[in-house]
């Protein structure tokens, strides 16, 4: 099995509804997404996926869709308060946890046709969440 990983850094803000800790308040993160892709065989260029193509597709989408945005649960009343000031808001059907954002990036990579197996989202330098394809283990290899 061949694997490649592309790191993409971005900033975002969020808060978690019905959370008892500090994350119930609006705050921001300097995040890093590690997007892992795998293939049994290499393509005609000898690659799992071209790093340039990954960057162009995923970095572009993250820059447009998540970077410097406030990511909130769709029921979060803060969204209505921020809208008049033209703050960029992304609404999710779930709490905007690191787990949910990792899955969002995974789904985007998959929809672009990349052989993504996992996305690890570093919310802080010491804390990350991973979303992986069913049956894959990002620690193997």
N, C-alpha and C. Protein backbone atom coordinates (compact mmCIF):
# COMPACT_ATOMS: atom_id res chain seq x y z
N UNK A 1 0.85 -1.18 0.00
CA UNK A 1 0.00 0.00 0.00
C UNK A 1 0.89 1.24 0.00
N UNK A 2 0.66 2.13 -0.94
CA UNK A 2 1.36 3.42 -0.99
C UNK A 2 0.49 4.47 -0.32
N UNK A 3 1.13 5.39 0.41
CA UNK A 3 0.38 6.46 1.06
C UNK A 3 1.10 7.79 0.87
N UNK A 4 0.33 8.85 0.75
CA UNK A 4 0.85 10.21 0.75
C UNK A 4 0.00 11.03 1.70
N UNK A 5 0.60 12.06 2.27
CA UNK A 5 -0.12 12.95 3.17
C UNK A 5 0.19 14.39 2.81
N UNK A 6 -0.85 15.20 2.69
CA UNK A 6 -0.71 16.63 2.43
C UNK A 6 -1.20 17.38 3.66
N UNK A 7 -0.38 18.32 4.14
CA UNK A 7 -0.77 19.16 5.27
C UNK A 7 -1.29 20.49 4.74
N UNK A 8 -2.40 20.94 5.31
CA UNK A 8 -3.01 22.21 4.92
C UNK A 8 -3.33 22.97 6.20
N UNK A 9 -2.82 24.18 6.31
CA UNK A 9 -3.07 25.00 7.50
C UNK A 9 -4.12 26.06 7.21
N UNK A 10 -4.94 26.34 8.21
CA UNK A 10 -5.96 27.37 8.09
C UNK A 10 -6.41 27.80 9.48
N UNK A 11 -7.12 28.91 9.52
CA UNK A 11 -7.64 29.45 10.78
C UNK A 11 -9.16 29.44 10.74
N UNK A 12 -9.77 29.18 11.87
CA UNK A 12 -11.23 29.23 11.95
C UNK A 12 -11.65 29.54 13.37
N UNK A 13 -12.89 29.97 13.49
CA UNK A 13 -13.49 30.21 14.80
C UNK A 13 -14.70 29.31 14.95
N UNK A 14 -15.07 29.03 16.19
CA UNK A 14 -16.27 28.23 16.46
C UNK A 14 -16.64 28.34 17.93
N UNK A 15 -17.70 27.67 18.27
CA UNK A 15 -18.06 27.40 19.66
C UNK A 15 -18.96 26.18 19.64
N UNK A 16 -19.06 25.52 20.78
CA UNK A 16 -19.85 24.30 20.87
C UNK A 16 -21.08 24.54 21.71
N UNK A 17 -22.23 24.30 21.12
CA UNK A 17 -23.50 24.45 21.85
C UNK A 17 -23.62 23.36 22.91
N UNK A 18 -24.21 23.73 24.04
CA UNK A 18 -24.49 22.79 25.14
C UNK A 18 -23.23 22.13 25.68
N UNK A 19 -22.11 22.80 25.59
CA UNK A 19 -20.85 22.30 26.11
C UNK A 19 -20.61 22.98 27.46
N UNK A 20 -20.10 22.24 28.41
CA UNK A 20 -19.90 22.80 29.74
C UNK A 20 -18.54 23.47 29.93
N UNK A 21 -17.59 23.20 29.03
CA UNK A 21 -16.26 23.76 29.18
C UNK A 21 -16.10 25.09 28.46
N UNK A 22 -14.83 25.52 28.34
CA UNK A 22 -14.52 26.81 27.72
C UNK A 22 -14.93 26.89 26.25
N UNK A 23 -15.08 25.75 25.61
CA UNK A 23 -15.42 25.76 24.18
C UNK A 23 -16.86 26.21 23.91
N UNK A 24 -17.60 26.50 24.97
CA UNK A 24 -18.94 27.04 24.77
C UNK A 24 -18.90 28.51 24.34
N UNK A 25 -17.72 29.13 24.48
CA UNK A 25 -17.54 30.54 24.10
C UNK A 25 -16.94 30.63 22.70
N UNK A 26 -17.25 31.71 21.99
CA UNK A 26 -16.65 31.93 20.68
C UNK A 26 -15.13 32.03 20.85
N UNK A 27 -14.40 31.31 20.02
CA UNK A 27 -12.93 31.32 20.07
C UNK A 27 -12.39 30.82 18.73
N UNK A 28 -11.09 30.93 18.55
CA UNK A 28 -10.48 30.55 17.29
C UNK A 28 -9.35 29.56 17.44
N UNK A 29 -8.99 28.96 16.30
CA UNK A 29 -7.91 27.97 16.24
C UNK A 29 -7.05 28.20 15.01
N UNK A 30 -5.78 27.91 15.14
CA UNK A 30 -4.87 27.78 14.01
C UNK A 30 -4.78 26.28 13.75
N UNK A 31 -5.49 25.82 12.74
CA UNK A 31 -5.64 24.39 12.51
C UNK A 31 -4.67 23.89 11.44
N UNK A 32 -4.44 22.58 11.51
CA UNK A 32 -3.69 21.91 10.46
C UNK A 32 -4.44 20.64 10.11
N UNK A 33 -4.77 20.47 8.83
CA UNK A 33 -5.39 19.25 8.36
C UNK A 33 -4.32 18.40 7.68
N UNK A 34 -4.26 17.14 8.06
CA UNK A 34 -3.39 16.17 7.40
C UNK A 34 -4.31 15.24 6.61
N UNK A 35 -4.22 15.33 5.29
CA UNK A 35 -5.08 14.54 4.42
C UNK A 35 -4.24 13.38 3.88
N UNK A 36 -4.60 12.16 4.28
CA UNK A 36 -3.88 10.98 3.84
C UNK A 36 -4.62 10.29 2.71
N UNK A 37 -3.86 9.88 1.70
CA UNK A 37 -4.41 9.16 0.56
C UNK A 37 -3.60 7.90 0.36
N UNK A 38 -4.24 6.85 -0.18
CA UNK A 38 -3.56 5.58 -0.35
C UNK A 38 -4.02 4.89 -1.63
N UNK A 39 -3.12 4.07 -2.16
CA UNK A 39 -3.44 3.27 -3.35
C UNK A 39 -2.58 2.02 -3.36
N UNK A 40 -3.14 0.95 -3.86
CA UNK A 40 -2.39 -0.30 -4.01
C UNK A 40 -1.35 -0.17 -5.12
N UNK A 41 -1.71 0.61 -6.16
CA UNK A 41 -0.82 0.80 -7.31
C UNK A 41 -0.66 2.29 -7.58
N UNK A 42 0.48 2.65 -8.09
CA UNK A 42 0.74 4.04 -8.45
C UNK A 42 0.17 4.35 -9.82
N UNK A 43 -0.12 5.62 -10.06
CA UNK A 43 -0.65 6.02 -11.37
C UNK A 43 0.47 6.04 -12.41
N UNK A 44 0.16 6.48 -13.61
CA UNK A 44 1.12 6.51 -14.71
C UNK A 44 2.32 7.39 -14.45
N UNK A 45 2.19 8.32 -13.51
CA UNK A 45 3.30 9.20 -13.14
C UNK A 45 4.09 8.66 -11.94
N UNK A 46 3.67 7.49 -11.44
CA UNK A 46 4.33 6.91 -10.28
C UNK A 46 3.89 7.51 -8.96
N UNK A 47 2.64 7.99 -8.90
CA UNK A 47 2.14 8.67 -7.70
C UNK A 47 0.80 8.09 -7.23
N UNK A 48 0.54 8.23 -5.94
CA UNK A 48 -0.80 7.99 -5.41
C UNK A 48 -1.69 9.13 -5.89
N UNK A 49 -1.23 10.35 -5.69
CA UNK A 49 -1.89 11.58 -6.15
C UNK A 49 -0.82 12.66 -6.18
N UNK A 50 -0.93 13.55 -7.12
CA UNK A 50 0.04 14.63 -7.26
C UNK A 50 -0.18 15.66 -6.14
N UNK A 51 0.88 15.98 -5.38
CA UNK A 51 0.75 16.95 -4.30
C UNK A 51 0.20 18.29 -4.80
N UNK A 52 0.60 18.69 -6.00
CA UNK A 52 0.11 19.95 -6.58
C UNK A 52 -1.40 19.89 -6.79
N UNK A 53 -1.89 18.76 -7.31
CA UNK A 53 -3.33 18.61 -7.53
C UNK A 53 -4.10 18.61 -6.22
N UNK A 54 -3.54 17.95 -5.20
CA UNK A 54 -4.18 17.94 -3.89
C UNK A 54 -4.26 19.36 -3.33
N UNK A 55 -3.13 20.06 -3.40
CA UNK A 55 -3.10 21.43 -2.88
C UNK A 55 -4.09 22.32 -3.63
N UNK A 56 -4.09 22.24 -4.94
CA UNK A 56 -4.97 23.08 -5.75
C UNK A 56 -6.44 22.85 -5.39
N UNK A 57 -6.82 21.58 -5.30
CA UNK A 57 -8.23 21.25 -5.03
C UNK A 57 -8.62 21.48 -3.58
N UNK A 58 -7.85 20.94 -2.65
CA UNK A 58 -8.26 21.00 -1.24
C UNK A 58 -7.90 22.30 -0.56
N UNK A 59 -6.69 22.80 -0.81
CA UNK A 59 -6.32 24.10 -0.22
C UNK A 59 -7.26 25.18 -0.73
N UNK A 60 -7.57 25.12 -2.02
CA UNK A 60 -8.50 26.10 -2.59
C UNK A 60 -9.87 26.03 -1.94
N UNK A 61 -10.38 24.81 -1.74
CA UNK A 61 -11.69 24.65 -1.11
C UNK A 61 -11.66 25.11 0.34
N UNK A 62 -10.61 24.72 1.07
CA UNK A 62 -10.49 25.13 2.48
C UNK A 62 -10.38 26.65 2.57
N UNK A 63 -9.56 27.26 1.71
CA UNK A 63 -9.43 28.72 1.72
C UNK A 63 -10.77 29.40 1.49
N UNK A 64 -11.55 28.87 0.56
CA UNK A 64 -12.84 29.47 0.23
C UNK A 64 -13.94 29.15 1.24
N UNK A 65 -13.90 27.95 1.81
CA UNK A 65 -15.03 27.46 2.61
C UNK A 65 -14.84 27.49 4.12
N UNK A 66 -13.59 27.40 4.60
CA UNK A 66 -13.37 27.29 6.04
C UNK A 66 -12.43 28.33 6.62
N UNK A 67 -11.42 28.74 5.85
CA UNK A 67 -10.38 29.62 6.39
C UNK A 67 -10.94 30.98 6.80
N UNK A 68 -10.63 31.39 8.02
CA UNK A 68 -11.08 32.66 8.59
C UNK A 68 -12.60 32.80 8.55
N UNK A 69 -13.27 31.68 8.80
CA UNK A 69 -14.73 31.67 8.90
C UNK A 69 -15.10 31.27 10.32
N UNK A 70 -16.29 31.68 10.73
CA UNK A 70 -16.85 31.25 12.01
C UNK A 70 -17.73 30.04 11.70
N UNK A 71 -17.36 28.89 12.21
CA UNK A 71 -18.08 27.64 11.95
C UNK A 71 -18.98 27.37 13.15
N UNK A 72 -20.27 27.35 12.90
CA UNK A 72 -21.25 27.24 13.98
C UNK A 72 -22.30 26.17 13.69
N UNK A 73 -22.89 25.63 14.73
CA UNK A 73 -24.05 24.76 14.60
C UNK A 73 -25.16 25.59 13.97
N UNK A 74 -25.95 24.96 13.12
CA UNK A 74 -27.01 25.72 12.43
C UNK A 74 -28.02 26.34 13.39
N UNK A 75 -28.15 25.80 14.60
CA UNK A 75 -29.09 26.34 15.60
C UNK A 75 -28.44 27.37 16.52
N UNK A 76 -27.19 27.68 16.30
CA UNK A 76 -26.48 28.60 17.19
C UNK A 76 -27.03 30.02 17.03
N UNK A 77 -27.55 30.63 18.10
CA UNK A 77 -28.07 31.99 18.00
C UNK A 77 -27.00 33.04 17.69
N UNK A 78 -25.74 32.71 17.88
CA UNK A 78 -24.66 33.67 17.57
C UNK A 78 -24.62 34.00 16.08
N UNK A 79 -25.06 33.06 15.25
CA UNK A 79 -25.04 33.30 13.80
C UNK A 79 -25.91 34.51 13.45
N UNK A 80 -27.08 34.62 14.06
CA UNK A 80 -27.97 35.76 13.78
C UNK A 80 -27.37 37.08 14.24
N UNK A 81 -26.59 37.03 15.31
CA UNK A 81 -25.94 38.24 15.80
C UNK A 81 -24.78 38.67 14.90
N UNK A 82 -24.09 37.70 14.30
CA UNK A 82 -22.93 38.00 13.47
C UNK A 82 -23.29 38.38 12.04
N UNK A 83 -24.42 37.90 11.55
CA UNK A 83 -24.81 38.15 10.14
C UNK A 83 -24.87 39.63 9.77
N UNK A 84 -25.45 40.50 10.58
CA UNK A 84 -25.53 41.92 10.18
C UNK A 84 -24.16 42.57 9.97
N UNK A 85 -23.14 42.06 10.64
CA UNK A 85 -21.81 42.64 10.48
C UNK A 85 -21.04 42.00 9.32
N UNK A 86 -21.73 41.15 8.55
CA UNK A 86 -21.15 40.49 7.37
C UNK A 86 -20.00 39.55 7.72
N UNK A 87 -19.99 39.03 8.95
CA UNK A 87 -18.99 38.04 9.33
C UNK A 87 -19.24 36.77 8.52
N UNK A 88 -18.17 36.15 7.99
CA UNK A 88 -18.36 34.92 7.22
C UNK A 88 -18.67 33.74 8.16
N UNK A 89 -19.82 33.13 7.95
CA UNK A 89 -20.30 32.06 8.82
C UNK A 89 -20.52 30.80 7.99
N UNK A 90 -20.12 29.67 8.56
CA UNK A 90 -20.41 28.36 7.99
C UNK A 90 -21.30 27.66 8.99
N UNK A 91 -22.42 27.15 8.54
CA UNK A 91 -23.36 26.46 9.43
C UNK A 91 -23.28 24.96 9.19
N UNK A 92 -23.19 24.20 10.27
CA UNK A 92 -23.18 22.75 10.20
C UNK A 92 -24.41 22.20 10.90
N UNK A 93 -24.81 21.00 10.53
CA UNK A 93 -25.95 20.35 11.17
C UNK A 93 -25.57 19.78 12.53
N UNK A 94 -24.27 19.74 12.81
CA UNK A 94 -23.76 19.22 14.08
C UNK A 94 -22.90 20.30 14.75
N UNK A 95 -22.51 20.03 15.98
CA UNK A 95 -21.56 20.92 16.62
C UNK A 95 -20.26 20.93 15.80
N UNK A 96 -19.64 22.08 15.63
CA UNK A 96 -18.43 22.19 14.81
C UNK A 96 -17.17 21.73 15.56
N UNK A 97 -17.17 20.47 15.91
CA UNK A 97 -16.03 19.89 16.61
C UNK A 97 -14.91 19.59 15.62
N UNK A 98 -13.74 19.30 16.14
CA UNK A 98 -12.62 18.89 15.27
C UNK A 98 -13.00 17.64 14.49
N UNK A 99 -13.76 16.75 15.12
CA UNK A 99 -14.21 15.53 14.45
C UNK A 99 -15.10 15.85 13.25
N UNK A 100 -16.03 16.78 13.45
CA UNK A 100 -16.95 17.15 12.37
C UNK A 100 -16.22 17.85 11.22
N UNK A 101 -15.25 18.69 11.55
CA UNK A 101 -14.50 19.40 10.51
C UNK A 101 -13.60 18.43 9.75
N UNK A 102 -13.01 17.45 10.45
CA UNK A 102 -12.21 16.43 9.77
C UNK A 102 -13.07 15.67 8.77
N UNK A 103 -14.28 15.31 9.15
CA UNK A 103 -15.18 14.59 8.23
C UNK A 103 -15.57 15.47 7.05
N UNK A 104 -15.80 16.74 7.30
CA UNK A 104 -16.14 17.68 6.23
C UNK A 104 -15.03 17.71 5.18
N UNK A 105 -13.79 17.79 5.62
CA UNK A 105 -12.65 17.82 4.70
C UNK A 105 -12.50 16.47 3.99
N UNK A 106 -12.69 15.37 4.71
CA UNK A 106 -12.64 14.04 4.12
C UNK A 106 -13.66 13.93 2.99
N UNK A 107 -14.90 14.31 3.28
CA UNK A 107 -15.97 14.22 2.27
C UNK A 107 -15.66 15.07 1.05
N UNK A 108 -15.07 16.24 1.24
CA UNK A 108 -14.71 17.10 0.11
C UNK A 108 -13.63 16.43 -0.74
N UNK A 109 -12.61 15.88 -0.09
CA UNK A 109 -11.54 15.20 -0.83
C UNK A 109 -12.10 14.02 -1.62
N UNK A 110 -12.98 13.25 -0.99
CA UNK A 110 -13.61 12.10 -1.66
C UNK A 110 -14.42 12.56 -2.85
N UNK A 111 -15.17 13.66 -2.69
CA UNK A 111 -16.02 14.15 -3.79
C UNK A 111 -15.19 14.65 -4.97
N UNK A 112 -13.93 15.02 -4.72
CA UNK A 112 -13.03 15.46 -5.78
C UNK A 112 -12.33 14.29 -6.45
N UNK A 113 -12.63 13.07 -6.02
CA UNK A 113 -12.06 11.88 -6.65
C UNK A 113 -10.72 11.44 -6.10
N UNK A 114 -10.29 12.03 -4.99
CA UNK A 114 -9.02 11.63 -4.41
C UNK A 114 -9.19 10.33 -3.61
N UNK A 115 -8.15 9.48 -3.58
CA UNK A 115 -8.24 8.22 -2.82
C UNK A 115 -7.95 8.43 -1.33
N UNK A 116 -8.69 9.34 -0.72
CA UNK A 116 -8.48 9.71 0.68
C UNK A 116 -8.85 8.55 1.60
N UNK A 117 -8.01 8.31 2.60
CA UNK A 117 -8.29 7.28 3.59
C UNK A 117 -8.53 7.86 4.97
N UNK A 118 -7.93 9.03 5.25
CA UNK A 118 -8.17 9.66 6.55
C UNK A 118 -7.83 11.14 6.49
N UNK A 119 -8.47 11.86 7.40
CA UNK A 119 -8.14 13.27 7.62
C UNK A 119 -7.94 13.44 9.12
N UNK A 120 -6.81 14.00 9.47
CA UNK A 120 -6.49 14.32 10.86
C UNK A 120 -6.53 15.84 10.97
N UNK A 121 -7.36 16.35 11.86
CA UNK A 121 -7.45 17.79 12.06
C UNK A 121 -6.84 18.14 13.41
N UNK A 122 -5.72 18.86 13.35
CA UNK A 122 -5.06 19.37 14.56
C UNK A 122 -5.73 20.68 14.94
N UNK A 123 -6.42 20.68 16.08
CA UNK A 123 -7.09 21.88 16.56
C UNK A 123 -6.12 22.74 17.36
N UNK A 124 -5.19 22.10 18.02
CA UNK A 124 -4.10 22.77 18.75
C UNK A 124 -2.84 21.95 18.47
N UNK A 125 -1.68 22.45 18.87
CA UNK A 125 -0.45 21.67 18.65
C UNK A 125 -0.42 20.32 19.37
N UNK A 126 -1.30 20.11 20.33
CA UNK A 126 -1.28 18.86 21.09
C UNK A 126 -2.58 18.06 21.00
N UNK A 127 -3.55 18.52 20.21
CA UNK A 127 -4.85 17.84 20.16
C UNK A 127 -5.35 17.74 18.72
N UNK A 128 -5.73 16.51 18.34
CA UNK A 128 -6.27 16.31 17.00
C UNK A 128 -7.40 15.30 17.03
N UNK A 129 -8.21 15.34 15.96
CA UNK A 129 -9.27 14.36 15.74
C UNK A 129 -9.04 13.76 14.36
N UNK A 130 -9.40 12.50 14.20
CA UNK A 130 -9.23 11.82 12.93
C UNK A 130 -10.56 11.27 12.44
N UNK A 131 -10.82 11.48 11.15
CA UNK A 131 -11.93 10.79 10.49
C UNK A 131 -11.30 9.93 9.43
N UNK A 132 -11.66 8.64 9.42
CA UNK A 132 -11.07 7.75 8.43
C UNK A 132 -12.14 6.92 7.75
N UNK A 133 -11.78 6.49 6.56
CA UNK A 133 -12.65 5.62 5.78
C UNK A 133 -12.88 4.33 6.56
N UNK A 134 -14.07 3.81 6.51
CA UNK A 134 -14.40 2.55 7.17
C UNK A 134 -13.41 1.47 6.76
N UNK A 135 -12.84 0.79 7.76
CA UNK A 135 -11.94 -0.32 7.48
C UNK A 135 -10.49 0.07 7.26
N UNK A 136 -10.15 1.37 7.31
CA UNK A 136 -8.76 1.74 7.15
C UNK A 136 -8.18 2.12 8.51
N UNK A 137 -6.89 1.98 8.64
CA UNK A 137 -6.21 2.31 9.88
C UNK A 137 -5.03 3.21 9.55
N UNK A 138 -5.14 4.54 9.84
CA UNK A 138 -4.07 5.46 9.47
C UNK A 138 -2.76 5.20 10.20
N UNK A 139 -2.78 4.38 11.25
CA UNK A 139 -1.53 4.12 11.95
C UNK A 139 -0.74 2.99 11.30
N UNK A 140 -1.36 2.25 10.41
CA UNK A 140 -0.66 1.17 9.72
C UNK A 140 0.14 1.72 8.55
N UNK A 141 1.19 1.03 8.23
CA UNK A 141 1.90 1.44 7.03
C UNK A 141 3.31 1.68 7.30
